[in-house]
């Protein structure tokens, strides 16, 4: 987790078999990704699938201005 340009960046990566070609996190039907995409929408964040070995995701959360 890092702070960058008014956002909080949360990155996740595992060492599993990876994601299939054309994977779309926004269309996934698993409970975990349904929760993550729902939360991302609610906080006006962005979720990106990161091409890495295994599964990789980057979640950017806008921080309130201080």
C-alpha atoms as a PDB file:
ATOM      1  CA  UNK A   1       0.000   0.000   0.000  1.00  0.00           C
ATOM      2  CA  UNK A   2       1.385   3.402  -0.988  1.00  0.00           C
ATOM      3  CA  UNK A   3       0.144   6.969  -1.101  1.00  0.00           C
ATOM      4  CA  UNK A   4       0.550   8.735  -4.455  1.00  0.00           C
ATOM      5  CA  UNK A   5      -0.901  11.908  -6.051  1.00  0.00           C
ATOM      6  CA  UNK A   6      -3.911  12.189  -3.730  1.00  0.00           C
ATOM      7  CA  UNK A   7      -4.727   8.488  -3.918  1.00  0.00           C
ATOM      8  CA  UNK A   8      -4.068   5.402  -1.897  1.00  0.00           C
ATOM      9  CA  UNK A   9      -2.729   2.573  -4.048  1.00  0.00           C
ATOM     10  CA  UNK A  10      -3.354  -0.962  -2.818  1.00  0.00           C
ATOM     11  CA  UNK A  11      -1.655  -3.675  -4.863  1.00  0.00           C
ATOM     12  CA  UNK A  12      -2.236  -7.406  -4.568  1.00  0.00           C
ATOM     13  CA  UNK A  13      -0.421 -10.260  -6.250  1.00  0.00           C
ATOM     14  CA  UNK A  14      -0.445 -13.994  -5.694  1.00  0.00           C
ATOM     15  CA  UNK A  15       1.709 -16.750  -7.134  1.00  0.00           C
ATOM     16  CA  UNK A  16      -1.096 -18.944  -8.442  1.00  0.00           C
ATOM     17  CA  UNK A  17      -1.820 -20.079 -11.973  1.00  0.00           C
ATOM     18  CA  UNK A  18      -2.842 -16.593 -13.070  1.00  0.00           C
ATOM     19  CA  UNK A  19      -5.934 -15.305 -14.793  1.00  0.00           C
ATOM     20  CA  UNK A  20      -7.373 -16.455 -18.113  1.00  0.00           C
ATOM     21  CA  UNK A  21      -6.919 -14.342 -21.246  1.00  0.00           C
ATOM     22  CA  UNK A  22      -9.611 -11.682 -21.485  1.00  0.00           C
ATOM     23  CA  UNK A  23     -10.342 -11.789 -17.735  1.00  0.00           C
ATOM     24  CA  UNK A  24     -12.653  -8.955 -16.662  1.00  0.00           C
ATOM     25  CA  UNK A  25     -12.830  -8.337 -12.903  1.00  0.00           C
ATOM     26  CA  UNK A  26     -16.023  -6.301 -13.386  1.00  0.00           C
ATOM     27  CA  UNK A  27     -17.836  -9.343 -14.805  1.00  0.00           C
ATOM     28  CA  UNK A  28     -16.490 -11.916 -12.338  1.00  0.00           C
ATOM     29  CA  UNK A  29     -19.093 -13.806 -10.350  1.00  0.00           C
ATOM     30  CA  UNK A  30     -16.971 -14.872  -7.387  1.00  0.00           C
ATOM     31  CA  UNK A  31     -17.888 -13.482  -3.986  1.00  0.00           C
ATOM     32  CA  UNK A  32     -14.463 -11.928  -3.421  1.00  0.00           C
ATOM     33  CA  UNK A  33     -14.323  -9.989  -6.689  1.00  0.00           C
ATOM     34  CA  UNK A  34     -17.998  -9.015  -6.398  1.00  0.00           C
ATOM     35  CA  UNK A  35     -17.208  -7.423  -3.025  1.00  0.00           C
ATOM     36  CA  UNK A  36     -14.055  -5.713  -4.321  1.00  0.00           C
ATOM     37  CA  UNK A  37     -15.742  -4.250  -7.427  1.00  0.00           C
ATOM     38  CA  UNK A  38     -18.772  -3.137  -5.388  1.00  0.00           C
ATOM     39  CA  UNK A  39     -16.539  -1.363  -2.865  1.00  0.00           C
ATOM     40  CA  UNK A  40     -14.482   0.177  -5.679  1.00  0.00           C
ATOM     41  CA  UNK A  41     -17.631   1.709  -7.196  1.00  0.00           C
ATOM     42  CA  UNK A  42     -18.843   2.995  -3.829  1.00  0.00           C
ATOM     43  CA  UNK A  43     -15.612   4.857  -3.093  1.00  0.00           C
ATOM     44  CA  UNK A  44     -15.117   6.112  -6.670  1.00  0.00           C
ATOM     45  CA  UNK A  45     -11.936   4.085  -6.965  1.00  0.00           C
ATOM     46  CA  UNK A  46     -10.391   2.265  -9.891  1.00  0.00           C
ATOM     47  CA  UNK A  47      -9.510  -1.404 -10.115  1.00  0.00           C
ATOM     48  CA  UNK A  48      -6.978  -2.607 -12.650  1.00  0.00           C
ATOM     49  CA  UNK A  49      -5.880  -6.139 -13.483  1.00  0.00           C
ATOM     50  CA  UNK A  50      -2.083  -6.090 -13.582  1.00  0.00           C
ATOM     51  CA  UNK A  51      -0.374  -8.542 -15.960  1.00  0.00           C
ATOM     52  CA  UNK A  52       2.028 -10.452 -13.754  1.00  0.00           C
ATOM     53  CA  UNK A  53       2.773 -14.050 -12.954  1.00  0.00           C
ATOM     54  CA  UNK A  54      -0.174 -15.187 -10.856  1.00  0.00           C
ATOM     55  CA  UNK A  55      -3.064 -12.796 -10.305  1.00  0.00           C
ATOM     56  CA  UNK A  56      -2.320  -9.112  -9.829  1.00  0.00           C
ATOM     57  CA  UNK A  57      -4.642  -6.208  -9.058  1.00  0.00           C
ATOM     58  CA  UNK A  58      -4.187  -2.503  -8.352  1.00  0.00           C
ATOM     59  CA  UNK A  59      -6.877  -0.585  -6.467  1.00  0.00           C
ATOM     60  CA  UNK A  60      -6.644   3.218  -6.428  1.00  0.00           C
ATOM     61  CA  UNK A  61      -8.701   4.968  -3.765  1.00  0.00           C
ATOM     62  CA  UNK A  62      -9.095   8.749  -3.914  1.00  0.00           C
ATOM     63  CA  UNK A  63      -8.133  10.428  -0.647  1.00  0.00           C
ATOM     64  CA  UNK A  64     -10.186  13.325   0.724  1.00  0.00           C
ATOM     65  CA  UNK A  65      -8.551  16.721   0.312  1.00  0.00           C
ATOM     66  CA  UNK A  66      -7.069  18.119   3.508  1.00  0.00           C
END
